[in-house]
Structures are given as structure tokens and as C-alpha cells.
Protein backbone atom coordinates (compact mmCIF):
# COMPACT_ATOMS: atom_id res chain seq x y z
CA MET A 1 -103.29 -108.64 -58.29
CA PRO A 2 -104.06 -105.87 -60.83
CA GLN A 3 -103.31 -106.61 -64.46
CA GLU A 4 -100.10 -104.60 -64.62
CA LEU A 5 -97.92 -104.66 -67.73
CA VAL A 6 -94.44 -106.17 -67.39
CA SER A 7 -91.72 -105.42 -69.94
CA ILE A 8 -89.23 -108.22 -70.60
CA ILE A 9 -85.97 -107.07 -72.20
CA THR A 10 -83.97 -109.52 -74.29
CA PRO A 11 -80.66 -108.40 -75.84
CA SER A 12 -79.75 -110.49 -78.86
CA TYR A 13 -76.48 -110.85 -80.72
CA ASN A 14 -76.04 -113.76 -83.16
CA SER A 15 -78.55 -115.77 -81.13
CA ALA A 16 -80.22 -117.72 -83.92
CA ASP A 17 -79.60 -121.10 -82.28
CA TYR A 18 -81.42 -120.21 -79.06
CA LEU A 19 -83.62 -117.17 -79.56
CA ALA A 20 -86.80 -118.99 -80.55
CA ASN A 21 -86.74 -121.02 -77.33
CA ALA A 22 -86.41 -117.86 -75.25
CA ILE A 23 -89.25 -116.12 -77.09
CA GLU A 24 -91.56 -119.11 -76.80
CA SER A 25 -90.94 -119.30 -73.05
CA VAL A 26 -92.37 -115.77 -72.78
CA ILE A 27 -95.24 -116.36 -75.20
CA GLY A 28 -96.18 -119.42 -73.15
CA GLN A 29 -96.55 -117.49 -69.88
CA SER A 30 -99.78 -118.02 -67.95
CA TYR A 31 -99.71 -114.29 -67.15
CA PRO A 32 -100.75 -112.54 -70.39
CA HIS A 33 -99.97 -108.87 -69.68
CA TRP A 34 -96.42 -108.58 -70.96
CA GLU A 35 -94.40 -107.09 -73.76
CA LEU A 36 -91.19 -108.68 -74.99
CA LEU A 37 -88.63 -106.19 -76.26
CA ILE A 38 -85.97 -107.94 -78.34
CA ILE A 39 -83.02 -105.60 -78.86
CA ASP A 40 -80.84 -106.89 -81.67
CA ASP A 41 -77.26 -105.69 -81.29
CA LYS A 42 -76.35 -105.69 -85.00
CA SER A 43 -76.38 -109.47 -85.45
CA THR A 44 -74.72 -110.97 -88.52
CA ASP A 45 -76.85 -114.13 -88.52
CA ASN A 46 -80.63 -114.40 -88.99
CA SER A 47 -81.55 -113.47 -85.40
CA VAL A 48 -83.54 -110.43 -86.53
CA GLU A 49 -85.58 -112.49 -88.99
CA ILE A 50 -86.42 -115.01 -86.25
CA ALA A 51 -87.48 -112.26 -83.85
CA GLU A 52 -89.57 -110.47 -86.48
CA SER A 53 -91.34 -113.70 -87.44
CA TYR A 54 -92.68 -113.89 -83.89
CA ALA A 55 -93.52 -110.18 -83.81
CA GLN A 56 -95.68 -110.64 -86.90
CA LYS A 57 -97.70 -113.31 -85.10
CA ASP A 58 -97.92 -111.69 -81.64
CA SER A 59 -98.12 -107.91 -81.21
CA ARG A 60 -96.69 -108.20 -77.70
CA VAL A 61 -93.33 -109.13 -79.24
CA LYS A 62 -91.44 -106.06 -80.42
CA VAL A 63 -88.10 -105.88 -82.21
CA LEU A 64 -85.61 -103.02 -82.10
CA ALA A 65 -82.58 -103.44 -84.37
CA LEU A 66 -79.63 -101.29 -83.32
CA LYS A 67 -77.66 -99.63 -86.11
CA GLU A 68 -74.30 -100.39 -84.51
CA HIS A 69 -72.99 -103.18 -82.30
CA GLY A 70 -72.63 -101.69 -78.83
CA GLY A 71 -72.72 -104.56 -76.34
CA ALA A 72 -75.23 -105.89 -73.83
CA ALA A 73 -75.40 -102.78 -71.62
CA ILE A 74 -76.35 -100.50 -74.51
CA ALA A 75 -78.87 -103.04 -75.82
CA ARG A 76 -80.51 -103.54 -72.41
CA ASN A 77 -80.66 -99.80 -71.76
CA ALA A 78 -82.31 -99.29 -75.15
CA GLY A 79 -84.92 -101.80 -74.03
CA ILE A 80 -85.43 -100.02 -70.70
CA ARG A 81 -86.00 -96.73 -72.55
CA GLU A 82 -88.64 -98.32 -74.78
CA ALA A 83 -90.35 -100.25 -71.97
CA LYS A 84 -94.00 -99.37 -71.32
CA GLY A 85 -94.54 -101.65 -68.35
CA ARG A 86 -94.68 -100.81 -64.66
CA TYR A 87 -92.44 -103.80 -64.05
CA ILE A 88 -89.17 -104.37 -65.92
CA GLY A 89 -87.49 -107.76 -66.18
CA PHE A 90 -84.76 -109.39 -68.22
CA LEU A 91 -84.23 -112.57 -70.21
CA ASP A 92 -81.08 -113.33 -72.19
CA SER A 93 -81.53 -114.83 -75.62
CA ASP A 94 -80.19 -118.26 -74.64
CA ASP A 95 -82.17 -118.64 -71.40
CA ALA A 96 -85.83 -119.42 -70.68
CA PHE A 97 -88.68 -118.81 -68.24
CA ASP A 98 -90.88 -121.31 -66.45
CA ARG A 99 -94.51 -120.96 -67.57
CA GLU A 100 -95.60 -119.55 -64.17
CA LYS A 101 -92.65 -117.19 -63.76
CA LEU A 102 -94.39 -113.89 -64.34
CA ALA A 103 -97.63 -114.80 -62.59
CA LEU A 104 -95.95 -115.97 -59.40
CA GLN A 105 -93.25 -113.30 -59.23
CA LEU A 106 -95.52 -110.36 -59.98
CA ASP A 107 -98.01 -111.54 -57.36
CA PHE A 108 -95.10 -111.80 -54.90
CA MET A 109 -94.08 -108.22 -55.71
CA TRP A 110 -97.58 -106.75 -55.66
CA ARG A 111 -98.66 -108.32 -52.37
CA ASN A 112 -95.54 -107.10 -50.60
CA GLN A 113 -94.88 -103.90 -52.59
CA TYR A 114 -91.28 -104.98 -53.18
CA VAL A 115 -89.11 -102.80 -55.40
CA LEU A 116 -86.72 -105.54 -56.60
CA THR A 117 -87.27 -109.28 -56.61
CA HIS A 118 -85.56 -112.35 -58.02
CA THR A 119 -85.99 -116.12 -57.81
CA ASN A 120 -84.15 -119.39 -57.67
CA PHE A 121 -83.00 -120.67 -61.06
CA ALA A 122 -81.70 -123.86 -62.60
CA ILE A 123 -78.51 -124.28 -64.63
CA ILE A 124 -79.14 -126.42 -67.70
CA GLU A 125 -76.25 -127.94 -69.62
CA ASP A 126 -76.20 -126.85 -73.25
CA GLY A 127 -76.68 -129.65 -75.77
CA VAL A 128 -77.89 -132.05 -73.09
CA GLY A 129 -80.83 -130.27 -71.51
CA ARG A 130 -79.98 -131.77 -68.15
CA ARG A 131 -80.24 -129.75 -64.95
CA VAL A 132 -76.78 -129.65 -63.39
CA ASP A 133 -77.32 -127.21 -60.55
CA THR A 134 -79.91 -125.08 -58.78
CA ILE A 135 -79.06 -121.60 -57.53
CA LYS A 136 -80.82 -120.61 -54.31
CA PRO A 137 -80.01 -117.02 -53.27
CA PRO A 138 -80.69 -115.67 -49.76
CA SER A 139 -84.24 -114.53 -49.04
CA VAL A 140 -83.16 -110.91 -48.49
CA LEU A 141 -80.18 -109.03 -49.95
CA THR A 142 -78.97 -105.54 -49.08
CA TYR A 143 -76.47 -103.29 -50.83
CA ARG A 144 -73.63 -104.46 -48.56
CA ASP A 145 -74.57 -108.11 -49.10
CA MET A 146 -74.39 -107.61 -52.84
CA LEU A 147 -71.01 -105.89 -52.69
CA LYS A 148 -69.60 -109.25 -51.58
CA ALA A 149 -71.11 -111.24 -54.46
CA ASN A 150 -73.65 -110.83 -57.22
CA GLN A 151 -76.35 -113.19 -55.99
CA ILE A 152 -79.13 -112.07 -58.34
CA GLY A 153 -79.50 -113.89 -61.64
CA CYS A 154 -80.29 -111.40 -64.40
CA LEU A 155 -82.83 -113.80 -65.93
CA THR A 156 -84.74 -113.85 -62.64
CA ALA A 157 -84.85 -110.16 -61.70
CA ILE A 158 -87.80 -107.76 -61.96
CA TYR A 159 -87.95 -104.21 -60.62
CA ASP A 160 -90.88 -101.85 -60.09
CA ALA A 161 -90.37 -98.72 -62.18
CA ALA A 162 -93.52 -97.14 -60.74
CA GLN A 163 -91.85 -96.95 -57.33
CA ILE A 164 -88.27 -96.04 -58.26
CA GLY A 165 -88.46 -94.87 -61.85
CA LYS A 166 -86.48 -96.39 -64.70
CA VAL A 167 -83.01 -97.36 -63.53
CA TYR A 168 -80.39 -98.03 -66.21
CA MET A 169 -77.33 -100.25 -66.37
CA PRO A 170 -73.83 -98.76 -66.26
CA ILE A 171 -72.15 -98.77 -69.67
CA ILE A 172 -69.50 -101.39 -68.99
CA GLU A 173 -68.58 -104.45 -71.05
CA LYS A 174 -69.61 -107.04 -68.44
CA ARG A 175 -71.36 -107.11 -65.05
CA GLN A 176 -73.72 -104.35 -66.12
CA ASP A 177 -76.65 -106.22 -64.55
CA TYR A 178 -74.72 -106.39 -61.29
CA GLY A 179 -74.20 -102.63 -61.52
CA LEU A 180 -77.95 -102.15 -61.95
CA TRP A 181 -78.81 -104.13 -58.80
CA LEU A 182 -76.26 -102.09 -56.85
CA ARG A 183 -77.76 -98.84 -58.14
CA ILE A 184 -81.21 -99.88 -56.95
CA LEU A 185 -80.06 -101.22 -53.58
CA LYS A 186 -77.75 -98.29 -52.85
CA GLY A 187 -80.83 -96.15 -52.32
CA GLY A 188 -81.82 -98.25 -49.32
CA ALA A 189 -84.06 -100.88 -50.90
CA SER A 190 -83.58 -104.61 -50.40
CA ALA A 191 -83.92 -107.43 -52.92
CA TYR A 192 -86.29 -110.26 -52.05
CA CYS A 193 -86.07 -113.79 -53.40
CA LEU A 194 -89.07 -115.93 -54.29
CA PRO A 195 -87.66 -119.39 -53.45
CA GLN A 196 -88.90 -121.25 -56.52
CA VAL A 197 -87.09 -122.28 -59.70
CA LEU A 198 -88.76 -120.07 -62.29
CA SER A 199 -85.95 -119.54 -64.84
CA TYR A 200 -83.44 -121.70 -66.67
CA TYR A 201 -79.87 -120.59 -67.38
CA ARG A 202 -78.06 -122.32 -70.22
CA LEU A 203 -74.47 -123.34 -69.35
CA ARG A 204 -72.65 -122.91 -72.66
CA GLN A 205 -69.04 -123.50 -71.70
CA HIS A 206 -67.02 -125.89 -69.55
CA SER A 207 -64.10 -123.72 -68.44
CA ILE A 208 -65.86 -122.43 -65.34
CA SER A 209 -62.72 -121.42 -63.42
CA ARG A 210 -61.29 -119.49 -66.37
CA LYS A 211 -64.50 -117.54 -66.78
CA LYS A 212 -64.52 -116.69 -63.08
CA ILE A 213 -61.03 -115.20 -63.31
CA VAL A 214 -62.10 -112.95 -66.18
CA LEU A 215 -65.20 -111.85 -64.29
CA LEU A 216 -63.10 -110.91 -61.27
CA GLN A 217 -61.36 -108.33 -63.43
CA TYR A 218 -64.71 -106.80 -64.30
CA ASN A 219 -65.82 -106.93 -60.66
CA TRP A 220 -62.70 -104.93 -59.75
CA ARG A 221 -63.51 -102.31 -62.39
CA LEU A 222 -67.12 -102.13 -61.18
CA LEU A 223 -66.04 -101.56 -57.58
CA ARG A 224 -63.43 -98.98 -58.53
CA GLU A 225 -64.96 -97.12 -61.48
CA VAL A 226 -68.71 -97.43 -60.95
CA GLU A 227 -69.06 -97.70 -57.18
CA GLY A 228 -66.11 -95.37 -56.63
CA PHE A 229 -64.35 -97.34 -53.89
CA GLY A 230 -60.67 -96.89 -53.15
CA PRO A 231 -58.18 -99.73 -53.71
CA PHE A 232 -58.30 -101.08 -50.14
CA VAL A 233 -62.10 -101.22 -49.91
CA SER A 234 -62.27 -102.68 -53.41
CA ALA A 235 -59.68 -105.32 -52.49
CA TYR A 236 -61.72 -106.22 -49.39
CA TYR A 237 -64.88 -106.83 -51.40
CA LEU A 238 -62.97 -108.55 -54.20
CA GLY A 239 -61.70 -111.01 -51.60
CA TRP A 240 -65.29 -111.89 -50.84
CA HIS A 241 -65.90 -112.35 -54.57
CA VAL A 242 -62.97 -114.75 -54.81
CA ALA A 243 -64.19 -116.81 -51.85
CA ASN A 244 -67.78 -116.92 -53.08
CA GLY A 245 -66.70 -117.60 -56.66
CA LEU A 246 -64.56 -120.57 -55.61
CA LYS A 247 -67.42 -121.92 -53.53
CA ARG A 248 -69.85 -121.57 -56.44
CA ALA A 249 -67.43 -123.11 -58.97
CA ALA A 250 -66.73 -126.05 -56.65
CA HIS A 251 -70.45 -126.63 -56.17
CA THR A 252 -71.11 -126.61 -59.92
CA TRP A 253 -68.07 -128.79 -60.64
CA LEU A 254 -69.31 -131.32 -58.07
CA ALA A 255 -72.77 -131.30 -59.62
CA LEU A 256 -71.31 -131.96 -63.08
CA SER A 257 -68.97 -134.63 -61.73
CA GLU A 258 -71.80 -136.50 -60.03
CA ARG A 259 -73.60 -136.63 -63.36
CA GLY A 260 -70.59 -138.02 -65.16
CA ARG A 261 -69.88 -134.91 -67.22
CA ILE A 262 -66.45 -134.32 -65.64
CA LYS A 263 -64.02 -137.20 -65.03
């Protein structure tokens, strides 16, 4: 494949405990043609200092410190605006890439001329480092598929800005990545999954069911306010979210239980 630049966008807010691990997982990529845009969202810890220490050693690491705290959507969109790469991907400050992530995924995109791709990913328990689950999305996802559940992990996704231009996230408190995938797919594209574990999501809390309930509220707002659906259509798709969320939570709970983390 050609040596195309990929821009990786990492929003950071008080991420000092994890940020170095995320940065090093990008620096360690076998594919060298990347830029890492760390967007600090007015952290009050030493996250900026950690990011800048890496930028001083590697010019591919770039730091943008926002003047005001605005949330993940504003930080990610600032990164998209600054991105120079043909391909745009995302990595949260507490997650990490596999060493071959960019090489394998970009080759997958280039060979097939896919607009949006994602991969399998592993859930790693914080403080233990043990894999507790593996997420394996469907091989192909359409707009209607995604209305029923967000099946694309933000840390796995890359889109081709040369084909569709820069697409930004809706300015909402949560689920902004979900809104971005819907914006891309609504135009008729499909999302394709490379079925390999190439990213690692850090599970930082144990109240899975409580988190799911909160996210359902944001899913409702996304369907109503961003996608513009009426209450009945939104309720229909929210029902799918409930069913899929319960299935996912039960699967993760079982995985943790089998490893003795839940009794």
C-alpha cells in the first residue's frame, strides 16, 4: 500500500495515570507514517507535561491544549480540524493499540477502498491487566444496523477523509463517536470489520449495568435530537439498544465471573 499519513486523535482530560501507555502504543507501531494529535481538554493534573515530553522526543506527536474544558466531542473535533492525514482514527487516553494495528487496518482499507473500518478489540480489566472479554462486531454494518446498537469501538475506527472529506462529531456530552459513525453511514457507506484484536479497551469501573442505563439516556437524545426521529421510531430503536445492551452486559458479567472477579 502507499505510504499514506494517518492521523490518530487522542482527547485527554486528567489522564496522567494512563496517557503514557496510550502514546507509547502509537509510537511502537510497525507502520511509521502517522501523527498523534493529543488534545488536552484543560486538564488540572500533569497530563500536558507528559504529552509534551513525548512531543519533544518525537515530532510525530503533537499537543494542542484547549483554553477551556469543553468535553470529548469538542476535543476530538479540534483534532479532526488539525489532522493532516488522509486517514483519521481515534484512541482514548486510557486505551492502547496493538503494534500491528495501523499496518493491518490501513492495508485492509487501501486494498478494498473502504470508507470506514473497525476491528475486534479486547477489554482489559484496569489494575489487573487481564483480558476479560473480546468484542467481535459483524463483518459489515449499515446505517440501519447501527441504529439498533453502536457496534463500532471508537478506539478501533478509521475513516478515509480523502473519499468523504472530514466528518465531525456532533457536539453532545456522550455518544459523540456513535453520532459520527451514523453521519458517515447515513450517506450510504458501510462499515467493514477486520476480524482481529488490534486494540485494547481499559475497563475502569465495575457497575456495568448502571453505566448502561445512563448511556441509554444519551442514545435517546442522539436518536431524537441528532438523527431527528420521532418518539415512536426512537422508542423502536431504543428497544433494540436495551436488548443488545443487556446481552452485552450479561456476556461481560459472565466473563468476569468465570475469572473470579465477580462472586
